[in-house]
Amino acid sequence: MPLSIYVGRIGVGDAFGQMAIQGVWIVLLALLTRRLWDMAGRRVVAQGG
C-alpha cells in the first residue's frame, strides 16, 4: 500500500481508510492467532525432566 500512495493510485484521503482496514485485519488476525495458540497450548503434554 505505501507504494500505491506514492505513485498516486490511492489518494491521501483514501489512504487513511485503507490503513484503517489493514489495522482491523491486523487486530483480527492477532486475536485469532492468540486463540489458536492458547488452544494448542492446552493440548501440549511435556514428558521428562
N, C-alpha and C. Protein backbone atom coordinates (compact mmCIF):
# COMPACT_ATOMS: atom_id res chain seq x y z
N MET A 1 0.80 -1.19 0.00
CA MET A 1 0.00 0.00 0.00
C MET A 1 0.85 1.27 0.00
N PRO A 2 1.96 1.33 0.69
CA PRO A 2 2.75 2.56 0.64
C PRO A 2 3.14 2.94 -0.79
N LEU A 3 3.43 1.94 -1.61
CA LEU A 3 3.79 2.23 -2.99
C LEU A 3 2.59 2.79 -3.75
N SER A 4 1.42 2.26 -3.49
CA SER A 4 0.21 2.76 -4.16
C SER A 4 -0.04 4.22 -3.82
N ILE A 5 0.24 4.62 -2.60
CA ILE A 5 0.09 6.02 -2.21
C ILE A 5 1.14 6.86 -2.92
N TYR A 6 2.37 6.36 -2.94
CA TYR A 6 3.48 7.10 -3.53
C TYR A 6 3.28 7.35 -5.01
N VAL A 7 2.80 6.34 -5.75
CA VAL A 7 2.62 6.50 -7.19
C VAL A 7 1.29 7.15 -7.54
N GLY A 8 0.44 7.38 -6.55
CA GLY A 8 -0.80 8.10 -6.79
C GLY A 8 -1.99 7.24 -7.12
N ARG A 9 -1.87 5.93 -7.01
CA ARG A 9 -3.01 5.05 -7.26
C ARG A 9 -4.08 5.20 -6.20
N ILE A 10 -3.66 5.49 -4.98
CA ILE A 10 -4.57 5.74 -3.87
C ILE A 10 -4.32 7.16 -3.39
N GLY A 11 -5.37 7.95 -3.31
CA GLY A 11 -5.24 9.31 -2.83
C GLY A 11 -4.94 9.37 -1.35
N VAL A 12 -4.42 10.50 -0.91
CA VAL A 12 -4.07 10.65 0.51
C VAL A 12 -5.31 10.51 1.38
N GLY A 13 -6.43 11.04 0.94
CA GLY A 13 -7.67 10.93 1.72
C GLY A 13 -8.14 9.49 1.85
N ASP A 14 -7.97 8.71 0.79
CA ASP A 14 -8.36 7.30 0.83
C ASP A 14 -7.36 6.44 1.59
N ALA A 15 -6.15 6.94 1.71
CA ALA A 15 -5.10 6.16 2.37
C ALA A 15 -5.44 5.88 3.83
N PHE A 16 -6.04 6.84 4.50
CA PHE A 16 -6.38 6.63 5.91
C PHE A 16 -7.42 5.53 6.07
N GLY A 17 -8.38 5.49 5.17
CA GLY A 17 -9.38 4.42 5.21
C GLY A 17 -8.77 3.07 4.94
N GLN A 18 -7.86 3.02 3.96
CA GLN A 18 -7.18 1.76 3.65
C GLN A 18 -6.31 1.30 4.81
N MET A 19 -5.65 2.24 5.46
CA MET A 19 -4.82 1.89 6.61
C MET A 19 -5.68 1.40 7.77
N ALA A 20 -6.87 1.98 7.92
CA ALA A 20 -7.78 1.54 8.98
C ALA A 20 -8.23 0.10 8.72
N ILE A 21 -8.52 -0.21 7.47
CA ILE A 21 -8.92 -1.58 7.12
C ILE A 21 -7.79 -2.54 7.42
N GLN A 22 -6.57 -2.17 7.06
CA GLN A 22 -5.43 -3.03 7.36
C GLN A 22 -5.23 -3.19 8.86
N GLY A 23 -5.47 -2.13 9.61
CA GLY A 23 -5.36 -2.21 11.07
C GLY A 23 -6.37 -3.18 11.65
N VAL A 24 -7.59 -3.16 11.11
CA VAL A 24 -8.62 -4.10 11.57
C VAL A 24 -8.19 -5.53 11.28
N TRP A 25 -7.64 -5.77 10.10
CA TRP A 25 -7.16 -7.10 9.75
C TRP A 25 -6.06 -7.55 10.70
N ILE A 26 -5.15 -6.65 11.03
CA ILE A 26 -4.06 -7.00 11.94
C ILE A 26 -4.61 -7.42 13.29
N VAL A 27 -5.58 -6.66 13.80
CA VAL A 27 -6.16 -6.98 15.11
C VAL A 27 -6.91 -8.31 15.06
N LEU A 28 -7.71 -8.52 14.02
CA LEU A 28 -8.46 -9.77 13.91
C LEU A 28 -7.54 -10.98 13.80
N LEU A 29 -6.51 -10.87 12.98
CA LEU A 29 -5.60 -12.00 12.84
C LEU A 29 -4.77 -12.22 14.10
N ALA A 30 -4.44 -11.15 14.81
CA ALA A 30 -3.71 -11.31 16.07
C ALA A 30 -4.58 -12.02 17.11
N LEU A 31 -5.86 -11.65 17.17
CA LEU A 31 -6.77 -12.32 18.11
C LEU A 31 -6.96 -13.79 17.75
N LEU A 32 -7.10 -14.07 16.46
CA LEU A 32 -7.25 -15.45 16.02
C LEU A 32 -5.99 -16.26 16.35
N THR A 33 -4.84 -15.68 16.10
CA THR A 33 -3.58 -16.37 16.39
C THR A 33 -3.45 -16.64 17.88
N ARG A 34 -3.81 -15.65 18.69
CA ARG A 34 -3.74 -15.82 20.14
C ARG A 34 -4.66 -16.94 20.60
N ARG A 35 -5.86 -16.98 20.06
CA ARG A 35 -6.84 -18.01 20.42
C ARG A 35 -6.33 -19.40 20.04
N LEU A 36 -5.82 -19.53 18.81
CA LEU A 36 -5.31 -20.82 18.37
C LEU A 36 -4.09 -21.24 19.18
N TRP A 37 -3.25 -20.31 19.53
CA TRP A 37 -2.05 -20.60 20.33
C TRP A 37 -2.46 -21.11 21.71
N ASP A 38 -3.46 -20.48 22.32
CA ASP A 38 -3.95 -20.91 23.62
C ASP A 38 -4.57 -22.31 23.55
N MET A 39 -5.34 -22.56 22.49
CA MET A 39 -5.95 -23.88 22.32
C MET A 39 -4.88 -24.95 22.14
N ALA A 40 -3.86 -24.66 21.37
CA ALA A 40 -2.78 -25.62 21.14
C ALA A 40 -1.98 -25.84 22.42
N GLY A 41 -1.79 -24.79 23.20
CA GLY A 41 -1.03 -24.90 24.44
C GLY A 41 -1.68 -25.82 25.45
N ARG A 42 -2.98 -25.91 25.43
CA ARG A 42 -3.69 -26.80 26.34
C ARG A 42 -3.51 -28.26 25.96
N ARG A 43 -3.20 -28.52 24.71
CA ARG A 43 -3.05 -29.90 24.22
C ARG A 43 -1.63 -30.42 24.37
N VAL A 44 -0.68 -29.56 24.62
CA VAL A 44 0.71 -29.98 24.71
C VAL A 44 0.94 -30.75 26.00
N VAL A 45 1.60 -31.88 25.88
CA VAL A 45 1.95 -32.68 27.04
C VAL A 45 3.47 -32.80 27.06
N ALA A 46 4.07 -32.30 28.10
CA ALA A 46 5.53 -32.37 28.23
C ALA A 46 5.87 -33.56 29.14
N GLN A 47 6.78 -34.38 28.67
CA GLN A 47 7.20 -35.53 29.45
C GLN A 47 8.69 -35.46 29.64
N GLY A 48 9.12 -35.90 30.76
CA GLY A 48 10.55 -35.89 31.04
C GLY A 48 10.89 -34.75 31.98
N GLY A 49 12.17 -34.55 32.18
CA GLY A 49 12.56 -33.68 33.23
C GLY A 49 13.10 -32.38 32.85
